[in-house]
Amino acid sequence: MTRVAQKPTRGWVVVNLGLVLAVVSTAVSIVGASHDCRQAYARLQALQTGQWNMQEQWGKLLLEQSTWAAHHRVEQLARRELGMRLPKAVELDVVTP
């Protein structure tokens, strides 16, 4: 038995072209999605780096604030720059309700 090569029908050509177009469009979509994913990941990394920097800066600012507001420092400034002092016992007036 010998097989005779048959000429492809128009229907099969259309089906094959449709499948080729589907494969190509799927491949292009995958490339686009991969590119978008990489861009989003790079943006995420940049935002996380920024977040880490801001947290570090926030910690430094809290430390600086606690240093400036320390009781000992405030008392020294009040005495030196404003001339404040603790009142003597005779200068106190006690008010009762």
C-alpha atoms as a PDB file:
ATOM      1  CA  MET A   1       0.000   0.000   0.000  1.00  0.00           C
ATOM      2  CA  THR A   2       1.317   3.272  -1.006  1.00  0.00           C
ATOM      3  CA  ARG A   3       0.010   6.450   0.361  1.00  0.00           C
ATOM      4  CA  VAL A   4      -0.736   9.263  -1.893  1.00  0.00           C
ATOM      5  CA  ALA A   5       0.004  12.706  -0.526  1.00  0.00           C
ATOM      6  CA  GLN A   6      -3.187  14.588  -0.261  1.00  0.00           C
ATOM      7  CA  LYS A   7      -3.424  18.283  -0.786  1.00  0.00           C
ATOM      8  CA  PRO A   8      -4.464  20.038   2.442  1.00  0.00           C
ATOM      9  CA  THR A   9      -7.938  21.390   2.302  1.00  0.00           C
ATOM     10  CA  ARG A  10      -8.736  25.033   2.845  1.00  0.00           C
ATOM     11  CA  GLY A  11     -10.316  24.235   6.214  1.00  0.00           C
ATOM     12  CA  TRP A  12      -7.114  22.685   7.573  1.00  0.00           C
ATOM     13  CA  VAL A  13      -5.051  25.630   6.395  1.00  0.00           C
ATOM     14  CA  VAL A  14      -7.356  28.011   8.235  1.00  0.00           C
ATOM     15  CA  VAL A  15      -7.231  25.869  11.382  1.00  0.00           C
ATOM     16  CA  ASN A  16      -3.420  25.692  11.240  1.00  0.00           C
ATOM     17  CA  LEU A  17      -3.120  29.449  10.719  1.00  0.00           C
ATOM     18  CA  GLY A  18      -5.471  30.026  13.611  1.00  0.00           C
ATOM     19  CA  LEU A  19      -3.394  27.777  15.848  1.00  0.00           C
ATOM     20  CA  VAL A  20      -0.165  29.502  14.796  1.00  0.00           C
ATOM     21  CA  LEU A  21      -1.699  32.896  15.535  1.00  0.00           C
ATOM     22  CA  ALA A  22      -2.932  31.647  18.907  1.00  0.00           C
ATOM     23  CA  VAL A  23       0.523  30.329  19.826  1.00  0.00           C
ATOM     24  CA  VAL A  24       2.250  33.535  18.721  1.00  0.00           C
ATOM     25  CA  SER A  25      -0.234  35.770  20.535  1.00  0.00           C
ATOM     26  CA  THR A  26       0.111  33.637  23.677  1.00  0.00           C
ATOM     27  CA  ALA A  27       3.908  33.907  23.486  1.00  0.00           C
ATOM     28  CA  VAL A  28       3.725  37.692  23.094  1.00  0.00           C
ATOM     29  CA  SER A  29       1.312  37.893  26.028  1.00  0.00           C
ATOM     30  CA  ILE A  30       3.659  35.831  28.205  1.00  0.00           C
ATOM     31  CA  VAL A  31       6.605  38.065  27.307  1.00  0.00           C
ATOM     32  CA  GLY A  32       4.538  41.155  28.152  1.00  0.00           C
ATOM     33  CA  ALA A  33       3.356  39.703  31.445  1.00  0.00           C
ATOM     34  CA  SER A  34       6.920  38.725  32.390  1.00  0.00           C
ATOM     35  CA  HIS A  35       8.116  42.240  31.596  1.00  0.00           C
ATOM     36  CA  ASP A  36       5.335  43.797  33.683  1.00  0.00           C
ATOM     37  CA  CYS A  37       6.140  41.430  36.542  1.00  0.00           C
ATOM     38  CA  ARG A  38       9.816  42.381  36.473  1.00  0.00           C
ATOM     39  CA  GLN A  39       8.960  46.076  36.454  1.00  0.00           C
ATOM     40  CA  ALA A  40       6.563  45.640  39.371  1.00  0.00           C
ATOM     41  CA  TYR A  41       9.186  43.689  41.331  1.00  0.00           C
ATOM     42  CA  ALA A  42      11.812  46.371  40.684  1.00  0.00           C
ATOM     43  CA  ARG A  43       9.339  49.011  41.902  1.00  0.00           C
ATOM     44  CA  LEU A  44       8.597  46.908  44.994  1.00  0.00           C
ATOM     45  CA  GLN A  45      12.320  46.650  45.756  1.00  0.00           C
ATOM     46  CA  ALA A  46      12.720  50.422  45.401  1.00  0.00           C
ATOM     47  CA  LEU A  47       9.753  51.059  47.697  1.00  0.00           C
ATOM     48  CA  GLN A  48      11.037  48.603  50.300  1.00  0.00           C
ATOM     49  CA  THR A  49      14.443  50.300  50.236  1.00  0.00           C
ATOM     50  CA  GLY A  50      12.724  53.657  50.714  1.00  0.00           C
ATOM     51  CA  GLN A  51      10.673  52.236  53.572  1.00  0.00           C
ATOM     52  CA  TRP A  52      13.802  50.915  55.284  1.00  0.00           C
ATOM     53  CA  ASN A  53      15.503  54.320  54.908  1.00  0.00           C
ATOM     54  CA  MET A  54      12.470  56.102  56.332  1.00  0.00           C
ATOM     55  CA  GLN A  55      12.272  53.732  59.295  1.00  0.00           C
ATOM     56  CA  GLU A  56      15.954  54.328  59.998  1.00  0.00           C
ATOM     57  CA  GLN A  57      15.454  58.085  59.795  1.00  0.00           C
ATOM     58  CA  TRP A  58      12.371  57.861  62.049  1.00  0.00           C
ATOM     59  CA  GLY A  59      14.405  55.997  64.671  1.00  0.00           C
ATOM     60  CA  LYS A  60      17.107  58.658  64.558  1.00  0.00           C
ATOM     61  CA  LEU A  61      14.509  61.424  64.903  1.00  0.00           C
ATOM     62  CA  LEU A  62      12.936  59.710  67.916  1.00  0.00           C
ATOM     63  CA  LEU A  63      16.345  59.416  69.535  1.00  0.00           C
ATOM     64  CA  GLU A  64      17.071  63.073  68.828  1.00  0.00           C
ATOM     65  CA  GLN A  65      13.676  64.100  70.220  1.00  0.00           C
ATOM     66  CA  SER A  66      14.219  62.156  73.426  1.00  0.00           C
ATOM     67  CA  THR A  67      17.664  63.763  73.779  1.00  0.00           C
ATOM     68  CA  TRP A  68      16.310  67.290  73.360  1.00  0.00           C
ATOM     69  CA  ALA A  69      13.396  66.658  75.724  1.00  0.00           C
ATOM     70  CA  ALA A  70      15.428  64.991  78.475  1.00  0.00           C
ATOM     71  CA  HIS A  71      14.474  66.310  81.923  1.00  0.00           C
ATOM     72  CA  HIS A  72      18.047  67.160  82.865  1.00  0.00           C
ATOM     73  CA  ARG A  73      18.591  69.204  79.696  1.00  0.00           C
ATOM     74  CA  VAL A  74      15.297  71.098  80.066  1.00  0.00           C
ATOM     75  CA  GLU A  75      16.148  71.907  83.686  1.00  0.00           C
ATOM     76  CA  GLN A  76      19.620  73.196  82.711  1.00  0.00           C
ATOM     77  CA  LEU A  77      18.158  75.438  79.995  1.00  0.00           C
ATOM     78  CA  ALA A  78      15.511  76.770  82.367  1.00  0.00           C
ATOM     79  CA  ARG A  79      18.136  77.691  84.939  1.00  0.00           C
ATOM     80  CA  ARG A  80      20.745  79.078  82.543  1.00  0.00           C
ATOM     81  CA  GLU A  81      18.724  80.830  79.831  1.00  0.00           C
ATOM     82  CA  LEU A  82      15.506  81.738  81.631  1.00  0.00           C
ATOM     83  CA  GLY A  83      16.912  82.260  85.117  1.00  0.00           C
ATOM     84  CA  MET A  84      14.344  79.891  86.613  1.00  0.00           C
ATOM     85  CA  ARG A  85      14.834  78.244  89.985  1.00  0.00           C
ATOM     86  CA  LEU A  86      12.894  76.110  92.415  1.00  0.00           C
ATOM     87  CA  PRO A  87      10.844  78.230  94.835  1.00  0.00           C
ATOM     88  CA  LYS A  88      11.841  78.298  98.479  1.00  0.00           C
ATOM     89  CA  ALA A  89       9.459  76.841 101.049  1.00  0.00           C
ATOM     90  CA  VAL A  90       8.430  80.303 102.302  1.00  0.00           C
ATOM     91  CA  GLU A  91       7.470  81.313  98.749  1.00  0.00           C
ATOM     92  CA  LEU A  92       4.959  78.488  98.354  1.00  0.00           C
ATOM     93  CA  ASP A  93       1.260  79.012  98.905  1.00  0.00           C
ATOM     94  CA  VAL A  94      -0.856  75.898  99.360  1.00  0.00           C
ATOM     95  CA  VAL A  95      -4.397  76.200  98.063  1.00  0.00           C
ATOM     96  CA  THR A  96      -7.012  73.849  99.393  1.00  0.00           C
ATOM     97  CA  PRO A  97     -10.265  73.177  97.611  1.00  0.00           C
END
